[in-house]
């Protein structure tokens, strides 16, 4: 199963008022393990950033002046999302902005939700923890996840944190990469994809020895005696002479 944890930063709160995406950050997981194959890009929005938004993420128009526009990377971005399940905190916000950007390029572009299934972790958290605060920071505190680096919002950092939160919320392990290393800086910015290993070494099979088998049979005999002759395991055991 391929999942992508996604977050965006924007010039403001409402795309219908012309606000734009200025940062996209994505973290990939395969079978609930981080791969390190991330997507991260800052974008030139061609408009001013609201002061309130800049106080949240700290990104300035001057910083974005030489960055590409959404249309410059849309094909790479959509190829990266293809076939994945998206995990987003407060999904209607990010999906609304992404669909607005797609619609600006081509009104006939299908929306994100028709390309990918989407899990909204905010909605999930509200069902799991009704009546409690369910912001990303609150969830980090609840699940003992370190977010000390999150002085300002950032799309890639928030995606990395949300990946840990999601795995904790759904009972999985966190911080596990497919190749056993720690998460690095292998983002996709038009180049540099770290490939997953194509083949894994065969697992070594270790069979029980004669003494272990004898001990096992003795344990089953004790269970048979204690249960008055009713031992389910014995009924499933092959004939002892045949092993």
Protein backbone atom coordinates (compact mmCIF):
# COMPACT_ATOMS: atom_id res chain seq x y z
CA UNK A 1 0.00 0.00 0.00
CA UNK A 2 1.42 3.37 -1.04
CA UNK A 3 0.41 6.39 1.03
CA UNK A 4 1.52 10.01 0.76
CA UNK A 5 1.29 12.40 3.69
CA UNK A 6 0.71 15.86 2.21
CA UNK A 7 0.71 19.43 3.48
CA UNK A 8 0.70 22.88 1.89
CA UNK A 9 1.45 26.45 2.94
CA UNK A 10 -0.47 29.27 1.30
CA UNK A 11 -0.68 33.04 0.93
CA UNK A 12 -3.94 33.12 2.88
CA UNK A 13 -6.96 31.12 3.92
CA UNK A 14 -9.32 31.15 0.94
CA UNK A 15 -8.52 30.19 -2.66
CA UNK A 16 -11.77 31.76 -3.86
CA UNK A 17 -10.22 35.11 -2.88
CA UNK A 18 -7.24 34.41 -5.12
CA UNK A 19 -4.93 32.98 -2.50
CA UNK A 20 -2.29 30.56 -3.77
CA UNK A 21 -0.10 27.66 -2.68
CA UNK A 22 3.48 28.65 -1.87
CA UNK A 23 4.86 25.36 -0.53
CA UNK A 24 4.06 21.69 -1.06
CA UNK A 25 5.56 18.99 1.15
CA UNK A 26 4.90 15.26 0.77
CA UNK A 27 6.25 12.19 2.58
CA UNK A 28 5.86 8.74 1.02
CA UNK A 29 5.07 5.55 2.91
CA UNK A 30 4.90 2.05 1.43
CA UNK A 31 3.27 -0.62 3.60
CA UNK A 32 3.33 1.90 6.49
CA UNK A 33 7.09 2.46 6.28
CA UNK A 34 8.76 5.72 5.32
CA UNK A 35 10.69 5.42 2.06
CA UNK A 36 12.57 8.75 2.08
CA UNK A 37 11.17 9.42 -1.41
CA UNK A 38 9.63 12.80 -0.63
CA UNK A 39 8.36 15.69 -2.72
CA UNK A 40 9.13 19.26 -1.61
CA UNK A 41 8.83 22.50 -3.52
CA UNK A 42 8.41 26.23 -2.84
CA UNK A 43 6.27 28.12 -5.36
CA UNK A 44 6.04 31.66 -6.73
CA UNK A 45 2.40 32.72 -6.12
CA UNK A 46 2.34 35.93 -8.21
CA UNK A 47 0.60 37.76 -5.38
CA UNK A 48 1.37 39.15 -1.93
CA UNK A 49 1.30 36.91 1.12
CA UNK A 50 -1.11 37.97 3.86
CA UNK A 51 0.67 39.21 6.97
CA UNK A 52 -1.22 36.74 9.19
CA UNK A 53 -0.21 33.82 6.96
CA UNK A 54 3.44 34.93 6.93
CA UNK A 55 3.44 34.99 10.73
CA UNK A 56 2.39 31.33 10.67
CA UNK A 57 4.89 29.94 8.16
CA UNK A 58 7.55 32.65 7.96
CA UNK A 59 7.80 32.53 4.14
CA UNK A 60 8.25 35.89 2.40
CA UNK A 61 7.56 37.09 -1.14
CA UNK A 62 11.25 37.94 -1.48
CA UNK A 63 12.20 34.32 -0.74
CA UNK A 64 9.73 33.06 -3.36
CA UNK A 65 10.71 35.53 -6.10
CA UNK A 66 12.91 33.06 -8.02
CA UNK A 67 10.87 29.92 -7.32
CA UNK A 68 8.93 28.00 -10.02
CA UNK A 69 5.19 28.37 -10.48
CA UNK A 70 2.68 25.60 -9.89
CA UNK A 71 2.28 25.01 -13.62
CA UNK A 72 6.03 24.39 -13.97
CA UNK A 73 5.90 21.25 -11.84
CA UNK A 74 2.29 20.10 -12.00
CA UNK A 75 3.05 17.07 -14.19
CA UNK A 76 5.82 15.82 -11.88
CA UNK A 77 3.57 16.43 -8.86
CA UNK A 78 0.57 14.56 -10.29
CA UNK A 79 2.82 11.68 -11.41
CA UNK A 80 4.14 11.47 -7.85
CA UNK A 81 0.60 11.30 -6.41
CA UNK A 82 -0.68 8.79 -8.95
CA UNK A 83 -2.18 5.69 -7.38
CA UNK A 84 -1.47 6.76 -3.78
CA UNK A 85 -3.75 7.25 -0.80
CA UNK A 86 -3.36 10.80 0.54
CA UNK A 87 -3.15 11.50 4.28
CA UNK A 88 -3.89 15.15 5.08
CA UNK A 89 -4.69 17.01 8.30
CA UNK A 90 -7.82 19.09 7.61
CA UNK A 91 -7.99 17.74 4.07
CA UNK A 92 -10.68 20.11 2.71
CA UNK A 93 -8.26 23.05 3.12
CA UNK A 94 -5.33 21.55 1.18
CA UNK A 95 -7.51 19.76 -1.38
CA UNK A 96 -9.43 22.98 -2.02
CA UNK A 97 -6.22 24.85 -2.77
CA UNK A 98 -4.83 22.06 -4.96
CA UNK A 99 -8.04 21.89 -6.99
CA UNK A 100 -8.01 25.68 -7.35
CA UNK A 101 -4.46 25.55 -8.72
CA UNK A 102 -5.40 22.76 -11.14
CA UNK A 103 -8.48 24.67 -12.26
CA UNK A 104 -6.43 27.79 -12.99
CA UNK A 105 -4.29 25.77 -15.38
CA UNK A 106 -7.15 23.88 -17.00
CA UNK A 107 -10.83 24.04 -15.99
CA UNK A 108 -11.21 20.49 -17.32
CA UNK A 109 -8.58 19.06 -14.95
CA UNK A 110 -10.10 16.32 -12.75
CA UNK A 111 -9.99 17.15 -9.03
CA UNK A 112 -7.51 15.59 -6.64
CA UNK A 113 -10.17 13.46 -4.94
CA UNK A 114 -10.93 11.75 -8.28
CA UNK A 115 -7.24 10.84 -8.62
CA UNK A 116 -6.53 9.64 -5.08
CA UNK A 117 -8.38 8.36 -2.05
CA UNK A 118 -8.00 10.71 0.91
CA UNK A 119 -7.77 10.21 4.69
CA UNK A 120 -8.46 13.35 6.74
CA UNK A 121 -6.55 12.89 10.00
CA UNK A 122 -8.40 15.79 11.61
CA UNK A 123 -11.73 14.05 11.04
CA UNK A 124 -10.18 10.77 12.22
CA UNK A 125 -8.84 12.43 15.38
CA UNK A 126 -12.22 14.01 16.15
CA UNK A 127 -13.84 10.57 16.00
CA UNK A 128 -11.13 9.04 18.18
CA UNK A 129 -10.88 11.92 20.67
CA UNK A 130 -14.26 13.71 20.72
CA UNK A 131 -14.39 16.97 22.64
CA UNK A 132 -10.59 17.33 22.74
CA UNK A 133 -8.14 19.55 20.89
CA UNK A 134 -7.01 17.80 17.73
CA UNK A 135 -4.55 20.20 16.15
CA UNK A 136 -1.29 18.70 14.94
CA UNK A 137 0.52 20.07 17.99
CA UNK A 138 -2.14 18.64 20.32
CA UNK A 139 -1.86 15.23 18.68
CA UNK A 140 1.93 15.32 18.99
CA UNK A 141 1.56 15.89 22.71
CA UNK A 142 -1.07 13.16 23.03
CA UNK A 143 1.06 10.58 21.22
CA UNK A 144 4.43 11.73 22.65
CA UNK A 145 5.84 12.77 19.27
CA UNK A 146 8.69 15.28 19.24
CA UNK A 147 7.66 18.47 17.42
CA UNK A 148 10.24 20.75 19.04
CA UNK A 149 11.52 21.81 15.60
CA UNK A 150 8.08 23.17 14.67
CA UNK A 151 8.56 26.80 15.67
CA UNK A 152 6.88 27.79 12.38
CA UNK A 153 4.65 25.79 10.07
CA UNK A 154 6.42 24.18 7.13
CA UNK A 155 4.86 21.83 4.58
CA UNK A 156 7.58 19.17 4.56
CA UNK A 157 8.24 19.25 8.31
CA UNK A 158 4.51 19.11 9.07
CA UNK A 159 4.12 16.14 6.69
CA UNK A 160 6.94 14.28 8.44
CA UNK A 161 5.34 14.95 11.83
CA UNK A 162 1.88 14.00 10.56
CA UNK A 163 3.24 10.70 9.23
CA UNK A 164 4.36 9.80 12.78
CA UNK A 165 1.05 10.96 14.22
CA UNK A 166 -0.95 8.93 11.71
CA UNK A 167 1.04 5.76 12.35
CA UNK A 168 0.61 6.22 16.12
CA UNK A 169 -3.12 6.91 15.76
CA UNK A 170 -3.64 3.79 13.69
CA UNK A 171 -1.51 1.50 15.81
CA UNK A 172 1.57 1.21 13.63
CA UNK A 173 5.28 1.65 14.10
CA UNK A 174 6.95 4.94 13.25
CA UNK A 175 10.32 6.09 11.94
CA UNK A 176 10.88 2.89 9.94
CA UNK A 177 12.35 3.20 6.47
CA UNK A 178 12.15 0.44 3.91
CA UNK A 179 15.93 0.22 3.72
CA UNK A 180 16.41 0.45 7.51
CA UNK A 181 18.01 3.91 7.50
CA UNK A 182 16.82 7.21 8.93
CA UNK A 183 14.83 9.73 6.92
CA UNK A 184 17.06 11.90 4.80
CA UNK A 185 16.74 14.82 2.46
CA UNK A 186 15.94 12.83 -0.69
CA UNK A 187 13.12 15.05 -1.88
CA UNK A 188 11.97 15.07 -5.47
CA UNK A 189 12.53 18.50 -6.99
CA UNK A 190 12.67 17.34 -10.56
CA UNK A 191 15.56 14.93 -9.90
CA UNK A 192 17.12 12.55 -7.42
CA UNK A 193 14.86 9.63 -6.58
CA UNK A 194 16.13 7.03 -4.14
CA UNK A 195 14.88 3.71 -5.45
CA UNK A 196 13.52 1.00 -3.18
CA UNK A 197 15.51 -2.24 -3.08
CA UNK A 198 14.24 -4.51 -5.86
CA UNK A 199 15.02 -7.78 -4.07
CA UNK A 200 15.25 -8.82 -0.45
CA UNK A 201 17.48 -11.60 0.87
CA UNK A 202 15.71 -14.89 1.57
CA UNK A 203 14.85 -15.48 5.22
CA UNK A 204 16.79 -18.24 6.96
CA UNK A 205 14.56 -21.03 8.30
CA UNK A 206 15.65 -22.58 11.62
CA UNK A 207 13.91 -25.86 12.51
CA UNK A 208 13.30 -27.09 16.06
CA UNK A 209 15.83 -29.61 17.35
CA UNK A 210 15.10 -33.04 18.84
CA UNK A 211 15.22 -31.81 22.46
CA UNK A 212 12.91 -28.88 21.65
CA UNK A 213 10.39 -31.23 20.03
CA UNK A 214 10.48 -33.56 23.06
CA UNK A 215 9.91 -30.62 25.41
CA UNK A 216 7.01 -29.44 23.23
CA UNK A 217 5.38 -32.87 23.37
CA UNK A 218 5.82 -33.01 27.16
CA UNK A 219 4.07 -29.66 27.50
CA UNK A 220 1.17 -30.90 25.38
CA UNK A 221 0.93 -34.03 27.55
CA UNK A 222 0.65 -31.86 30.67
CA UNK A 223 -2.11 -29.81 29.03
CA UNK A 224 -3.89 -33.02 27.97
CA UNK A 225 -3.81 -34.30 31.55
CA UNK A 226 -4.89 -31.00 33.13
CA UNK A 227 -7.78 -30.58 30.69
CA UNK A 228 -9.17 -34.05 31.22
CA UNK A 229 -8.15 -35.32 27.82
CA UNK A 230 -9.23 -32.24 25.86
CA UNK A 231 -6.22 -30.66 24.20
CA UNK A 232 -6.98 -28.87 20.95
CA UNK A 233 -3.30 -28.73 19.99
CA UNK A 234 -2.98 -32.52 20.10
CA UNK A 235 -5.82 -32.84 17.62
CA UNK A 236 -3.90 -30.59 15.27
CA UNK A 237 -0.52 -32.30 15.75
CA UNK A 238 0.82 -34.70 13.11
CA UNK A 239 1.52 -38.27 14.24
CA UNK A 240 4.54 -38.15 16.58
CA UNK A 241 6.25 -40.98 14.70
CA UNK A 242 6.10 -39.01 11.44
CA UNK A 243 7.40 -35.77 13.04
